[in-house]
Amino acid sequence: MAKTRRTTHRSTAGKKLYAVRDAKGRFVDIQTYERAHRADLAKKSKAEKAAAKKKKAAPRKKAAKKK
């Protein structure tokens, strides 16, 4: 599934908004830029998840013992 495209608008209070439209051009979702951006940052991509899994699976080296 292709990523939905968001268009930006301004609210009457002047806040930046993200609007998602369906294939017919109707609004599906409207969020403030601030909330949508925070959600984007919190969500991990497939590449980030794979890298974390690979790093976790790698064997850890033990520290040398002090004499």
PDB file of N, CA and C in Angstrom:
ATOM      1  N   MET A   1       0.839  -1.174   0.000  1.00  0.00           N
ATOM      2  CA  MET A   1       0.000   0.000   0.000  1.00  0.00           C
ATOM      3  C   MET A   1       0.891   1.247   0.000  1.00  0.00           C
ATOM      4  N   ALA A   2       0.552   2.184  -0.840  1.00  0.00           N
ATOM      5  CA  ALA A   2       1.338   3.415  -0.928  1.00  0.00           C
ATOM      6  C   ALA A   2       1.066   4.308   0.270  1.00  0.00           C
ATOM      7  N   LYS A   3       2.084   5.074   0.635  1.00  0.00           N
ATOM      8  CA  LYS A   3       1.940   5.989   1.758  1.00  0.00           C
ATOM      9  C   LYS A   3       0.972   7.109   1.375  1.00  0.00           C
ATOM     10  N   THR A   4       0.055   7.416   2.260  1.00  0.00           N
ATOM     11  CA  THR A   4      -0.902   8.477   1.970  1.00  0.00           C
ATOM     12  C   THR A   4      -0.201   9.813   1.975  1.00  0.00           C
ATOM     13  N   ARG A   5      -0.623  10.666   1.086  1.00  0.00           N
ATOM     14  CA  ARG A   5      -0.002  11.977   0.962  1.00  0.00           C
ATOM     15  C   ARG A   5      -0.758  12.970   1.817  1.00  0.00           C
ATOM     16  N   ARG A   6      -0.023  13.784   2.548  1.00  0.00           N
ATOM     17  CA  ARG A   6      -0.647  14.784   3.419  1.00  0.00           C
ATOM     18  C   ARG A   6      -0.423  16.173   2.839  1.00  0.00           C
ATOM     19  N   THR A   7      -1.468  16.965   2.877  1.00  0.00           N
ATOM     20  CA  THR A   7      -1.351  18.351   2.440  1.00  0.00           C
ATOM     21  C   THR A   7      -1.434  19.239   3.667  1.00  0.00           C
ATOM     22  N   THR A   8      -0.798  20.390   3.598  1.00  0.00           N
ATOM     23  CA  THR A   8      -0.794  21.287   4.752  1.00  0.00           C
ATOM     24  C   THR A   8      -1.810  22.407   4.556  1.00  0.00           C
ATOM     25  N   HIS A   9      -2.409  22.797   5.651  1.00  0.00           N
ATOM     26  CA  HIS A   9      -3.376  23.894   5.694  1.00  0.00           C
ATOM     27  C   HIS A   9      -3.102  24.686   6.959  1.00  0.00           C
ATOM     28  N   ARG A  10      -3.837  25.744   7.157  1.00  0.00           N
ATOM     29  CA  ARG A  10      -3.760  26.523   8.395  1.00  0.00           C
ATOM     30  C   ARG A  10      -5.141  26.588   9.028  1.00  0.00           C
ATOM     31  N   SER A  11      -5.184  26.462  10.338  1.00  0.00           N
ATOM     32  CA  SER A  11      -6.443  26.594  11.058  1.00  0.00           C
ATOM     33  C   SER A  11      -6.769  28.076  11.239  1.00  0.00           C
ATOM     34  N   THR A  12      -7.952  28.365  11.748  1.00  0.00           N
ATOM     35  CA  THR A  12      -8.328  29.767  11.975  1.00  0.00           C
ATOM     36  C   THR A  12      -7.464  30.392  13.050  1.00  0.00           C
ATOM     37  N   ALA A  13      -6.923  29.545  13.949  1.00  0.00           N
ATOM     38  CA  ALA A  13      -6.037  30.045  15.002  1.00  0.00           C
ATOM     39  C   ALA A  13      -4.608  30.227  14.488  1.00  0.00           C
ATOM     40  N   GLY A  14      -4.341  29.767  13.263  1.00  0.00           N
ATOM     41  CA  GLY A  14      -3.019  29.935  12.679  1.00  0.00           C
ATOM     42  C   GLY A  14      -2.109  28.735  12.827  1.00  0.00           C
ATOM     43  N   LYS A  15      -2.610  27.634  13.410  1.00  0.00           N
ATOM     44  CA  LYS A  15      -1.779  26.432  13.561  1.00  0.00           C
ATOM     45  C   LYS A  15      -1.696  25.683  12.237  1.00  0.00           C
ATOM     46  N   LYS A  16      -0.551  25.068  12.005  1.00  0.00           N
ATOM     47  CA  LYS A  16      -0.341  24.290  10.785  1.00  0.00           C
ATOM     48  C   LYS A  16      -1.059  22.956  10.916  1.00  0.00           C
ATOM     49  N   LEU A  17      -1.773  22.537   9.873  1.00  0.00           N
ATOM     50  CA  LEU A  17      -2.527  21.293   9.881  1.00  0.00           C
ATOM     51  C   LEU A  17      -2.057  20.375   8.769  1.00  0.00           C
ATOM     52  N   TYR A  18      -2.186  19.065   8.999  1.00  0.00           N
ATOM     53  CA  TYR A  18      -1.976  18.052   7.978  1.00  0.00           C
ATOM     54  C   TYR A  18      -3.334  17.468   7.660  1.00  0.00           C
ATOM     55  N   ALA A  19      -3.674  17.357   6.388  1.00  0.00           N
ATOM     56  CA  ALA A  19      -4.938  16.765   5.976  1.00  0.00           C
ATOM     57  C   ALA A  19      -4.656  15.592   5.052  1.00  0.00           C
ATOM     58  N   VAL A  20      -5.333  14.463   5.315  1.00  0.00           N
ATOM     59  CA  VAL A  20      -5.216  13.275   4.478  1.00  0.00           C
ATOM     60  C   VAL A  20      -6.531  13.129   3.734  1.00  0.00           C
ATOM     61  N   ARG A  21      -6.444  12.906   2.433  1.00  0.00           N
ATOM     62  CA  ARG A  21      -7.645  12.763   1.605  1.00  0.00           C
ATOM     63  C   ARG A  21      -7.714  11.347   1.041  1.00  0.00           C
ATOM     64  N   ASP A  22      -8.929  10.890   0.732  1.00  0.00           N
ATOM     65  CA  ASP A  22      -9.109   9.591   0.095  1.00  0.00           C
ATOM     66  C   ASP A  22      -9.013   9.758  -1.422  1.00  0.00           C
ATOM     67  N   ALA A  23      -9.273   8.689  -2.161  1.00  0.00           N
ATOM     68  CA  ALA A  23      -9.139   8.721  -3.617  1.00  0.00           C
ATOM     69  C   ALA A  23     -10.108   9.706  -4.270  1.00  0.00           C
ATOM     70  N   LYS A  24     -11.244   9.942  -3.634  1.00  0.00           N
ATOM     71  CA  LYS A  24     -12.242  10.865  -4.193  1.00  0.00           C
ATOM     72  C   LYS A  24     -11.978  12.314  -3.797  1.00  0.00           C
ATOM     73  N   GLY A  25     -10.952  12.542  -2.991  1.00  0.00           N
ATOM     74  CA  GLY A  25     -10.603  13.903  -2.610  1.00  0.00           C
ATOM     75  C   GLY A  25     -11.257  14.380  -1.327  1.00  0.00           C
ATOM     76  N   ARG A  26     -11.984  13.503  -0.638  1.00  0.00           N
ATOM     77  CA  ARG A  26     -12.622  13.871   0.626  1.00  0.00           C
ATOM     78  C   ARG A  26     -11.628  13.744   1.767  1.00  0.00           C
ATOM     79  N   PHE A  27     -11.801  14.566   2.799  1.00  0.00           N
ATOM     80  CA  PHE A  27     -10.915  14.501   3.959  1.00  0.00           C
ATOM     81  C   PHE A  27     -11.169  13.219   4.739  1.00  0.00           C
ATOM     82  N   VAL A  28     -10.099  12.511   5.052  1.00  0.00           N
ATOM     83  CA  VAL A  28     -10.172  11.301   5.862  1.00  0.00           C
ATOM     84  C   VAL A  28      -9.727  11.627   7.285  1.00  0.00           C
ATOM     85  N   ASP A  29      -8.650  12.410   7.383  1.00  0.00           N
ATOM     86  CA  ASP A  29      -8.085  12.710   8.692  1.00  0.00           C
ATOM     87  C   ASP A  29      -7.444  14.089   8.653  1.00  0.00           C
ATOM     88  N   ILE A  30      -7.660  14.869   9.701  1.00  0.00           N
ATOM     89  CA  ILE A  30      -6.996  16.165   9.838  1.00  0.00           C
ATOM     90  C   ILE A  30      -6.356  16.197  11.217  1.00  0.00           C
ATOM     91  N   GLN A  31      -5.052  16.473  11.250  1.00  0.00           N
ATOM     92  CA  GLN A  31      -4.304  16.558  12.501  1.00  0.00           C
ATOM     93  C   GLN A  31      -3.464  17.818  12.502  1.00  0.00           C
ATOM     94  N   THR A  32      -3.130  18.282  13.689  1.00  0.00           N
ATOM     95  CA  THR A  32      -2.189  19.396  13.758  1.00  0.00           C
ATOM     96  C   THR A  32      -0.828  18.863  13.349  1.00  0.00           C
ATOM     97  N   TYR A  33      -0.024  19.728  12.771  1.00  0.00           N
ATOM     98  CA  TYR A  33       1.321  19.350  12.335  1.00  0.00           C
ATOM     99  C   TYR A  33       2.125  18.835  13.517  1.00  0.00           C
ATOM    100  N   GLU A  34       1.979  19.489  14.654  1.00  0.00           N
ATOM    101  CA  GLU A  34       2.742  19.133  15.847  1.00  0.00           C
ATOM    102  C   GLU A  34       2.486  17.682  16.263  1.00  0.00           C
ATOM    103  N   ARG A  35       1.216  17.290  16.319  1.00  0.00           N
ATOM    104  CA  ARG A  35       0.875  15.923  16.731  1.00  0.00           C
ATOM    105  C   ARG A  35       1.300  14.907  15.687  1.00  0.00           C
ATOM    106  N   ALA A  36       1.073  15.218  14.411  1.00  0.00           N
ATOM    107  CA  ALA A  36       1.427  14.286  13.344  1.00  0.00           C
ATOM    108  C   ALA A  36       2.941  14.092  13.278  1.00  0.00           C
ATOM    109  N   HIS A  37       3.689  15.165  13.437  1.00  0.00           N
ATOM    110  CA  HIS A  37       5.143  15.093  13.395  1.00  0.00           C
ATOM    111  C   HIS A  37       5.684  14.269  14.560  1.00  0.00           C
ATOM    112  N   ARG A  38       5.118  14.474  15.756  1.00  0.00           N
ATOM    113  CA  ARG A  38       5.546  13.709  16.925  1.00  0.00           C
ATOM    114  C   ARG A  38       5.275  12.218  16.721  1.00  0.00           C
ATOM    115  N   ALA A  39       4.134  11.883  16.124  1.00  0.00           N
ATOM    116  CA  ALA A  39       3.797  10.482  15.861  1.00  0.00           C
ATOM    117  C   ALA A  39       4.761   9.881  14.836  1.00  0.00           C
ATOM    118  N   ASP A  40       5.142  10.661  13.820  1.00  0.00           N
ATOM    119  CA  ASP A  40       6.099  10.183  12.821  1.00  0.00           C
ATOM    120  C   ASP A  40       7.447   9.876  13.451  1.00  0.00           C
ATOM    121  N   LEU A  41       7.879  10.725  14.371  1.00  0.00           N
ATOM    122  CA  LEU A  41       9.171  10.513  15.025  1.00  0.00           C
ATOM    123  C   LEU A  41       9.136   9.300  15.945  1.00  0.00           C
ATOM    124  N   ALA A  42       7.996   9.049  16.578  1.00  0.00           N
ATOM    125  CA  ALA A  42       7.887   7.933  17.508  1.00  0.00           C
ATOM    126  C   ALA A  42       7.833   6.589  16.785  1.00  0.00           C
ATOM    127  N   LYS A  43       7.321   6.583  15.562  1.00  0.00           N
ATOM    128  CA  LYS A  43       7.181   5.338  14.814  1.00  0.00           C
ATOM    129  C   LYS A  43       8.511   4.946  14.194  1.00  0.00           C
ATOM    130  N   LYS A  44       8.896   3.688  14.341  1.00  0.00           N
ATOM    131  CA  LYS A  44      10.149   3.192  13.786  1.00  0.00           C
ATOM    132  C   LYS A  44       9.897   2.611  12.391  1.00  0.00           C
ATOM    133  N   SER A  45      10.851   2.804  11.489  1.00  0.00           N
ATOM    134  CA  SER A  45      10.737   2.269  10.138  1.00  0.00           C
ATOM    135  C   SER A  45      11.136   0.792  10.136  1.00  0.00           C
ATOM    136  N   LYS A  46      10.851   0.114   9.031  1.00  0.00           N
ATOM    137  CA  LYS A  46      11.230  -1.296   8.908  1.00  0.00           C
ATOM    138  C   LYS A  46      12.741  -1.456   8.997  1.00  0.00           C
ATOM    139  N   ALA A  47      13.471  -0.525   8.399  1.00  0.00           N
ATOM    140  CA  ALA A  47      14.936  -0.589   8.419  1.00  0.00           C
ATOM    141  C   ALA A  47      15.469  -0.423   9.841  1.00  0.00           C
ATOM    142  N   GLU A  48      14.866   0.494  10.615  1.00  0.00           N
ATOM    143  CA  GLU A  48      15.304   0.700  11.998  1.00  0.00           C
ATOM    144  C   GLU A  48      15.012  -0.526  12.852  1.00  0.00           C
ATOM    145  N   LYS A  49      13.857  -1.150  12.642  1.00  0.00           N
ATOM    146  CA  LYS A  49      13.506  -2.360  13.399  1.00  0.00           C
ATOM    147  C   LYS A  49      14.458  -3.501  13.067  1.00  0.00           C
ATOM    148  N   ALA A  50      14.802  -3.667  11.783  1.00  0.00           N
ATOM    149  CA  ALA A  50      15.703  -4.730  11.363  1.00  0.00           C
ATOM    150  C   ALA A  50      17.101  -4.512  11.939  1.00  0.00           C
ATOM    151  N   ALA A  51      17.561  -3.260  11.954  1.00  0.00           N
ATOM    152  CA  ALA A  51      18.891  -2.962  12.498  1.00  0.00           C
ATOM    153  C   ALA A  51      18.941  -3.248  13.996  1.00  0.00           C
ATOM    154  N   ALA A  52      17.868  -2.903  14.704  1.00  0.00           N
ATOM    155  CA  ALA A  52      17.830  -3.151  16.145  1.00  0.00           C
ATOM    156  C   ALA A  52      17.813  -4.646  16.439  1.00  0.00           C
ATOM    157  N   LYS A  53      17.078  -5.396  15.632  1.00  0.00           N
ATOM    158  CA  LYS A  53      17.001  -6.845  15.817  1.00  0.00           C
ATOM    159  C   LYS A  53      18.355  -7.486  15.539  1.00  0.00           C
ATOM    160  N   LYS A  54      19.037  -7.020  14.488  1.00  0.00           N
ATOM    161  CA  LYS A  54      20.358  -7.549  14.129  1.00  0.00           C
ATOM    162  C   LYS A  54      21.368  -7.240  15.226  1.00  0.00           C
ATOM    163  N   LYS A  55      21.308  -6.034  15.763  1.00  0.00           N
ATOM    164  CA  LYS A  55      22.240  -5.622  16.818  1.00  0.00           C
ATOM    165  C   LYS A  55      22.004  -6.434  18.090  1.00  0.00           C
ATOM    166  N   LYS A  56      20.748  -6.722  18.402  1.00  0.00           N
ATOM    167  CA  LYS A  56      20.405  -7.473  19.605  1.00  0.00           C
ATOM    168  C   LYS A  56      20.849  -8.934  19.478  1.00  0.00           C
ATOM    169  N   ALA A  57      20.773  -9.500  18.270  1.00  0.00           N
ATOM    170  CA  ALA A  57      21.118 -10.901  18.049  1.00  0.00           C
ATOM    171  C   ALA A  57      22.629 -11.145  18.045  1.00  0.00           C
ATOM    172  N   ALA A  58      23.420 -10.121  17.792  1.00  0.00           N
ATOM    173  CA  ALA A  58      24.879 -10.287  17.741  1.00  0.00           C
ATOM    174  C   ALA A  58      25.419 -10.654  19.120  1.00  0.00           C
ATOM    175  N   PRO A  59      26.373 -11.603  19.188  1.00  0.00           N
ATOM    176  CA  PRO A  59      26.934 -11.974  20.490  1.00  0.00           C
ATOM    177  C   PRO A  59      27.743 -10.829  21.089  1.00  0.00           C
ATOM    178  N   ARG A  60      27.623 -10.679  22.386  1.00  0.00           N
ATOM    179  CA  ARG A  60      28.329  -9.593  23.074  1.00  0.00           C
ATOM    180  C   ARG A  60      29.706 -10.066  23.502  1.00  0.00           C
ATOM    181  N   LYS A  61      30.684  -9.183  23.398  1.00  0.00           N
ATOM    182  CA  LYS A  61      32.043  -9.503  23.827  1.00  0.00           C
ATOM    183  C   LYS A  61      32.147  -9.291  25.328  1.00  0.00           C
ATOM    184  N   LYS A  62      32.887 -10.174  25.969  1.00  0.00           N
ATOM    185  CA  LYS A  62      33.078 -10.054  27.412  1.00  0.00           C
ATOM    186  C   LYS A  62      34.272  -9.170  27.699  1.00  0.00           C
ATOM    187  N   ALA A  63      34.186  -8.437  28.761  1.00  0.00           N
ATOM    188  CA  ALA A  63      35.289  -7.559  29.160  1.00  0.00           C
ATOM    189  C   ALA A  63      36.416  -8.399  29.761  1.00  0.00           C
ATOM    190  N   ALA A  64      37.647  -7.951  29.588  1.00  0.00           N
ATOM    191  CA  ALA A  64      38.806  -8.661  30.131  1.00  0.00           C
ATOM    192  C   ALA A  64      38.813  -8.533  31.642  1.00  0.00           C
ATOM    193  N   LYS A  65      39.244  -9.587  32.303  1.00  0.00           N
ATOM    194  CA  LYS A  65      39.301  -9.577  33.768  1.00  0.00           C
ATOM    195  C   LYS A  65      40.508  -8.791  34.234  1.00  0.00           C
ATOM    196  N   LYS A  66      40.333  -8.062  35.314  1.00  0.00           N
ATOM    197  CA  LYS A  66      41.461  -7.340  35.921  1.00  0.00           C
ATOM    198  C   LYS A  66      42.224  -8.283  36.827  1.00  0.00           C
ATOM    199  N   LYS A  67      43.540  -8.099  36.865  1.00  0.00           N
ATOM    200  CA  LYS A  67      44.368  -8.949  37.730  1.00  0.00           C
ATOM    201  C   LYS A  67      44.599  -8.315  39.064  1.00  0.00           C
TER     202      LYS A  67
END
